[in-house]
Amino acid sequence: MTDADRSREDDLGLTLEDRDWTVHPGEILAETLSERHMSQAEFARRMGLTPKHVSRIVRGHQLYSPKVALDMERVLGVDARFWMTLVSNYQTDLLRGRRTWR
């Protein structure tokens, strides 16, 4: 758990396990692209994906594979295990009945 997560827990008075919502990994990707001032089109080009494919991930309509996570690591410099952990946590949260945060 990161310091930011602990801070959010303190602010909200609950732990991340107490929440009844989840965040699609595409939202984290969108934030990462924004922080790097990279458009979805540029990201798609660097990844060798179609802009539509990237848009579907960002909009929460599609998850990505381990292969795509490795390519994300190459393009964004963020470890593929981080990206796959987001996918795994998201899928687990859905099975627990948490709704998607939007």
Protein backbone atom coordinates (compact mmCIF):
# COMPACT_ATOMS: atom_id res chain seq x y z
CA MET A 1 0.00 0.00 0.00
CA THR A 2 1.35 3.39 -0.96
CA ASP A 3 1.48 6.51 1.23
CA ALA A 4 -1.19 8.05 -1.01
CA ASP A 5 -3.46 5.05 -0.34
CA ARG A 6 -2.91 5.41 3.41
CA SER A 7 -3.69 9.10 3.18
CA ARG A 8 -6.93 8.37 1.32
CA GLU A 9 -7.86 5.84 4.00
CA ASP A 10 -7.24 8.44 6.72
CA ASP A 11 -9.27 11.08 4.86
CA LEU A 12 -12.20 8.74 4.26
CA GLY A 13 -12.05 6.86 7.54
CA LEU A 14 -12.06 3.50 5.78
CA THR A 15 -9.66 1.06 4.20
CA LEU A 16 -9.49 0.25 0.51
CA GLU A 17 -10.99 -3.15 1.34
CA ASP A 18 -14.07 -1.38 2.79
CA ARG A 19 -14.92 0.37 -0.45
CA ASP A 20 -17.81 -0.86 -2.58
CA TRP A 21 -16.41 0.41 -5.87
CA THR A 22 -13.52 -0.37 -8.19
CA VAL A 23 -11.58 1.55 -10.82
CA HIS A 24 -11.11 0.19 -14.33
CA PRO A 25 -7.41 -0.02 -15.28
CA GLY A 26 -8.14 2.19 -18.29
CA GLU A 27 -8.69 5.13 -15.96
CA ILE A 28 -5.19 4.69 -14.56
CA LEU A 29 -3.86 4.46 -18.11
CA ALA A 30 -5.65 7.70 -19.02
CA GLU A 31 -4.11 9.46 -16.00
CA THR A 32 -0.68 8.11 -16.90
CA LEU A 33 -0.98 9.34 -20.49
CA SER A 34 -2.12 12.74 -19.26
CA GLU A 35 0.83 13.02 -16.86
CA ARG A 36 3.16 12.26 -19.76
CA HIS A 37 1.35 14.67 -22.11
CA MET A 38 0.82 11.78 -24.52
CA SER A 39 -2.34 11.53 -26.60
CA GLN A 40 -4.18 8.26 -27.00
CA ALA A 41 -3.34 8.39 -30.71
CA GLU A 42 0.39 8.72 -30.00
CA PHE A 43 0.22 5.95 -27.42
CA ALA A 44 -1.60 3.71 -29.90
CA ARG A 45 1.04 4.41 -32.55
CA ARG A 46 3.91 3.61 -30.17
CA MET A 47 2.14 0.47 -28.97
CA GLY A 48 1.28 -0.79 -32.45
CA LEU A 49 -2.43 -0.76 -31.56
CA THR A 50 -5.34 0.92 -33.25
CA PRO A 51 -6.63 4.15 -31.70
CA LYS A 52 -9.99 2.37 -31.31
CA HIS A 53 -8.37 -0.39 -29.24
CA VAL A 54 -6.73 2.16 -26.92
CA SER A 55 -9.97 4.12 -26.65
CA ARG A 56 -11.85 0.98 -25.61
CA ILE A 57 -9.28 0.33 -22.86
CA VAL A 58 -9.34 3.93 -21.60
CA ARG A 59 -13.15 4.08 -21.64
CA GLY A 60 -13.41 0.88 -19.60
CA HIS A 61 -14.87 -1.31 -22.35
CA GLN A 62 -11.90 -3.64 -22.63
CA LEU A 63 -9.05 -5.00 -20.53
CA TYR A 64 -5.57 -5.69 -21.86
CA SER A 65 -3.45 -8.82 -22.09
CA PRO A 66 -0.05 -9.54 -20.51
CA LYS A 67 1.51 -8.90 -23.94
CA VAL A 68 -0.04 -5.44 -24.06
CA ALA A 69 1.10 -4.83 -20.46
CA LEU A 70 4.69 -5.62 -21.52
CA ASP A 71 4.38 -3.18 -24.40
CA MET A 72 2.97 -0.58 -21.99
CA GLU A 73 6.07 -1.10 -19.84
CA ARG A 74 8.25 -0.41 -22.87
CA VAL A 75 6.34 2.69 -23.95
CA LEU A 76 5.49 4.20 -20.56
CA GLY A 77 8.31 2.92 -18.36
CA VAL A 78 5.87 1.46 -15.82
CA ASP A 79 6.43 -2.19 -14.90
CA ALA A 80 4.12 -4.68 -16.64
CA ARG A 81 3.41 -6.30 -13.26
CA PHE A 82 1.79 -3.03 -12.13
CA TRP A 83 -0.52 -3.01 -15.15
CA MET A 84 -1.44 -6.68 -14.70
CA THR A 85 -2.06 -6.19 -10.98
CA LEU A 86 -4.57 -3.48 -11.88
CA VAL A 87 -6.37 -5.93 -14.18
CA SER A 88 -6.34 -8.70 -11.57
CA ASN A 89 -7.59 -6.39 -8.80
CA TYR A 90 -10.33 -5.04 -11.06
CA GLN A 91 -11.56 -8.49 -12.00
CA THR A 92 -11.50 -9.63 -8.37
CA ASP A 93 -13.38 -6.51 -7.27
CA LEU A 94 -16.09 -7.19 -9.85
CA LEU A 95 -16.46 -10.75 -8.57
CA ARG A 96 -16.84 -9.34 -5.07
CA GLY A 97 -19.73 -7.27 -6.37
CA ARG A 98 -18.04 -3.89 -6.34
CA ARG A 99 -19.37 -1.46 -8.90
CA THR A 100 -17.15 0.44 -11.29
CA TRP A 101 -16.22 3.96 -10.19
CA ARG A 102 -17.09 6.48 -12.87
